[in-house]
Amino acid sequence: GGAVLLAESRDIAAELDKPRLEAWSLAFLARGHLLREEPDEARACAARSVELSRSAGWITFLPHPQSLLATADLALGDVELDHVAVFHQRERPAGSRLR
């Protein structure tokens, strides 16, 4: 099925040193694990996807695996979500209405 193809995509991307493709594959593997109620596996995939997205400088994709990581943490009972708190600590641009 789809999970097998995504796992192959992840493996090929890692072999070819394509971090963005690997991050993408891992994020969608994480989503599949969440849908199958496998939060431990989802967390592992999402955390690695976040790591790869950051190291590759892929900031436009980064929120996707971050949201999957937060969802997995919630499913595992982690309600502190320290990795999400970063969004609330950053400085806002002058004139921003965001709080």
C-alpha atoms as a PDB file:
ATOM      1  CA  GLY A   1       0.000   0.000   0.000  1.00  0.00           C
ATOM      2  CA  GLY A   2       0.816   3.639   0.354  1.00  0.00           C
ATOM      3  CA  ALA A   3       2.862   3.176   3.524  1.00  0.00           C
ATOM      4  CA  VAL A   4       5.208   0.801   1.711  1.00  0.00           C
ATOM      5  CA  LEU A   5       5.734   3.305  -1.098  1.00  0.00           C
ATOM      6  CA  LEU A   6       6.359   6.128   1.369  1.00  0.00           C
ATOM      7  CA  ALA A   7       8.865   3.985   3.271  1.00  0.00           C
ATOM      8  CA  GLU A   8      10.642   3.233  -0.020  1.00  0.00           C
ATOM      9  CA  SER A   9      10.612   6.929  -0.872  1.00  0.00           C
ATOM     10  CA  ARG A  10      12.127   7.736   2.534  1.00  0.00           C
ATOM     11  CA  ASP A  11      14.839   5.110   2.105  1.00  0.00           C
ATOM     12  CA  ILE A  12      15.746   6.210  -1.427  1.00  0.00           C
ATOM     13  CA  ALA A  13      15.834   9.861  -0.364  1.00  0.00           C
ATOM     14  CA  ALA A  14      18.178   9.005   2.514  1.00  0.00           C
ATOM     15  CA  GLU A  15      20.451   6.995   0.199  1.00  0.00           C
ATOM     16  CA  LEU A  16      20.573   9.863  -2.306  1.00  0.00           C
ATOM     17  CA  ASP A  17      21.068  12.484   0.437  1.00  0.00           C
ATOM     18  CA  LYS A  18      17.849  14.335  -0.458  1.00  0.00           C
ATOM     19  CA  PRO A  19      16.747  15.726   2.940  1.00  0.00           C
ATOM     20  CA  ARG A  20      13.665  17.534   1.663  1.00  0.00           C
ATOM     21  CA  LEU A  21      12.303  14.421  -0.020  1.00  0.00           C
ATOM     22  CA  GLU A  22      13.096  12.380   3.087  1.00  0.00           C
ATOM     23  CA  ALA A  23      11.359  14.960   5.299  1.00  0.00           C
ATOM     24  CA  TRP A  24       8.309  14.947   3.025  1.00  0.00           C
ATOM     25  CA  SER A  25       8.110  11.145   3.036  1.00  0.00           C
ATOM     26  CA  LEU A  26       8.512  10.994   6.811  1.00  0.00           C
ATOM     27  CA  ALA A  27       5.782  13.592   7.357  1.00  0.00           C
ATOM     28  CA  PHE A  28       3.294  11.590   5.340  1.00  0.00           C
ATOM     29  CA  LEU A  29       4.380   8.369   7.042  1.00  0.00           C
ATOM     30  CA  ALA A  30       3.688  10.142  10.350  1.00  0.00           C
ATOM     31  CA  ARG A  31       0.225  11.118   9.119  1.00  0.00           C
ATOM     32  CA  GLY A  32      -0.508   7.509   8.197  1.00  0.00           C
ATOM     33  CA  HIS A  33       0.610   6.334  11.625  1.00  0.00           C
ATOM     34  CA  LEU A  34      -1.684   8.889  13.250  1.00  0.00           C
ATOM     35  CA  LEU A  35      -4.613   7.709  11.148  1.00  0.00           C
ATOM     36  CA  ARG A  36      -3.873   4.120  12.232  1.00  0.00           C
ATOM     37  CA  GLU A  37      -3.641   5.269  15.871  1.00  0.00           C
ATOM     38  CA  GLU A  38       0.091   4.517  16.151  1.00  0.00           C
ATOM     39  CA  PRO A  39       1.302   7.621  17.993  1.00  0.00           C
ATOM     40  CA  ASP A  40       4.768   6.310  18.921  1.00  0.00           C
ATOM     41  CA  GLU A  41       5.609   5.581  15.300  1.00  0.00           C
ATOM     42  CA  ALA A  42       4.015   8.865  14.208  1.00  0.00           C
ATOM     43  CA  ARG A  43       6.105  10.785  16.722  1.00  0.00           C
ATOM     44  CA  ALA A  44       9.343   9.190  15.535  1.00  0.00           C
ATOM     45  CA  CYS A  45       8.602   9.984  11.879  1.00  0.00           C
ATOM     46  CA  ALA A  46       7.404  13.527  12.589  1.00  0.00           C
ATOM     47  CA  ALA A  47      10.368  14.332  14.846  1.00  0.00           C
ATOM     48  CA  ARG A  48      12.832  13.203  12.173  1.00  0.00           C
ATOM     49  CA  SER A  49      10.909  15.164   9.538  1.00  0.00           C
ATOM     50  CA  VAL A  50      11.151  18.305  11.698  1.00  0.00           C
ATOM     51  CA  GLU A  51      14.876  17.734  12.167  1.00  0.00           C
ATOM     52  CA  LEU A  52      15.474  17.274   8.436  1.00  0.00           C
ATOM     53  CA  SER A  53      13.283  20.240   7.493  1.00  0.00           C
ATOM     54  CA  ARG A  54      15.223  22.491   9.861  1.00  0.00           C
ATOM     55  CA  SER A  55      18.645  21.267   8.726  1.00  0.00           C
ATOM     56  CA  ALA A  56      17.639  21.693   5.071  1.00  0.00           C
ATOM     57  CA  GLY A  57      16.298  25.203   5.763  1.00  0.00           C
ATOM     58  CA  TRP A  58      12.864  24.229   4.463  1.00  0.00           C
ATOM     59  CA  ILE A  59      10.939  26.711   6.569  1.00  0.00           C
ATOM     60  CA  THR A  60       7.845  26.711   4.348  1.00  0.00           C
ATOM     61  CA  PHE A  61       7.323  22.984   4.981  1.00  0.00           C
ATOM     62  CA  LEU A  62       8.362  22.932   8.647  1.00  0.00           C
ATOM     63  CA  PRO A  63       4.900  23.695  10.136  1.00  0.00           C
ATOM     64  CA  HIS A  64       3.501  20.514   8.582  1.00  0.00           C
ATOM     65  CA  PRO A  65       5.692  18.014  10.467  1.00  0.00           C
ATOM     66  CA  GLN A  66       5.568  20.252  13.554  1.00  0.00           C
ATOM     67  CA  SER A  67       1.787  19.953  13.635  1.00  0.00           C
ATOM     68  CA  LEU A  68       2.031  16.182  13.195  1.00  0.00           C
ATOM     69  CA  LEU A  69       4.566  16.013  16.022  1.00  0.00           C
ATOM     70  CA  ALA A  70       2.255  18.012  18.288  1.00  0.00           C
ATOM     71  CA  THR A  71      -0.672  15.751  17.380  1.00  0.00           C
ATOM     72  CA  ALA A  72       1.384  12.648  18.189  1.00  0.00           C
ATOM     73  CA  ASP A  73       2.479  14.162  21.502  1.00  0.00           C
ATOM     74  CA  LEU A  74      -1.120  14.915  22.414  1.00  0.00           C
ATOM     75  CA  ALA A  75      -2.110  11.358  21.540  1.00  0.00           C
ATOM     76  CA  LEU A  76       0.678  10.145  23.836  1.00  0.00           C
ATOM     77  CA  GLY A  77      -0.565  12.363  26.670  1.00  0.00           C
ATOM     78  CA  ASP A  78       2.156  15.036  26.458  1.00  0.00           C
ATOM     79  CA  VAL A  79       0.191  18.213  27.030  1.00  0.00           C
ATOM     80  CA  GLU A  80       3.184  20.449  27.789  1.00  0.00           C
ATOM     81  CA  LEU A  81       4.239  20.702  24.128  1.00  0.00           C
ATOM     82  CA  ASP A  82       7.506  22.555  24.745  1.00  0.00           C
ATOM     83  CA  HIS A  83       8.365  22.415  21.027  1.00  0.00           C
ATOM     84  CA  VAL A  84       5.179  24.309  20.157  1.00  0.00           C
ATOM     85  CA  ALA A  85       5.788  27.025  22.760  1.00  0.00           C
ATOM     86  CA  VAL A  86       8.492  28.504  20.515  1.00  0.00           C
ATOM     87  CA  PHE A  87       5.752  30.088  18.390  1.00  0.00           C
ATOM     88  CA  HIS A  88       4.516  32.060  21.378  1.00  0.00           C
ATOM     89  CA  GLN A  89       7.975  33.270  22.426  1.00  0.00           C
ATOM     90  CA  ARG A  90       9.203  34.805  19.205  1.00  0.00           C
ATOM     91  CA  GLU A  91       9.142  38.545  18.693  1.00  0.00           C
ATOM     92  CA  ARG A  92       6.333  40.030  16.644  1.00  0.00           C
ATOM     93  CA  PRO A  93       6.916  42.610  13.916  1.00  0.00           C
ATOM     94  CA  ALA A  94       6.145  46.211  14.767  1.00  0.00           C
ATOM     95  CA  GLY A  95       2.461  46.917  14.235  1.00  0.00           C
ATOM     96  CA  SER A  96       1.525  43.244  14.372  1.00  0.00           C
ATOM     97  CA  ARG A  97      -1.900  42.434  15.778  1.00  0.00           C
ATOM     98  CA  LEU A  98      -0.783  38.957  16.798  1.00  0.00           C
ATOM     99  CA  ARG A  99      -0.416  38.438  20.531  1.00  0.00           C
END
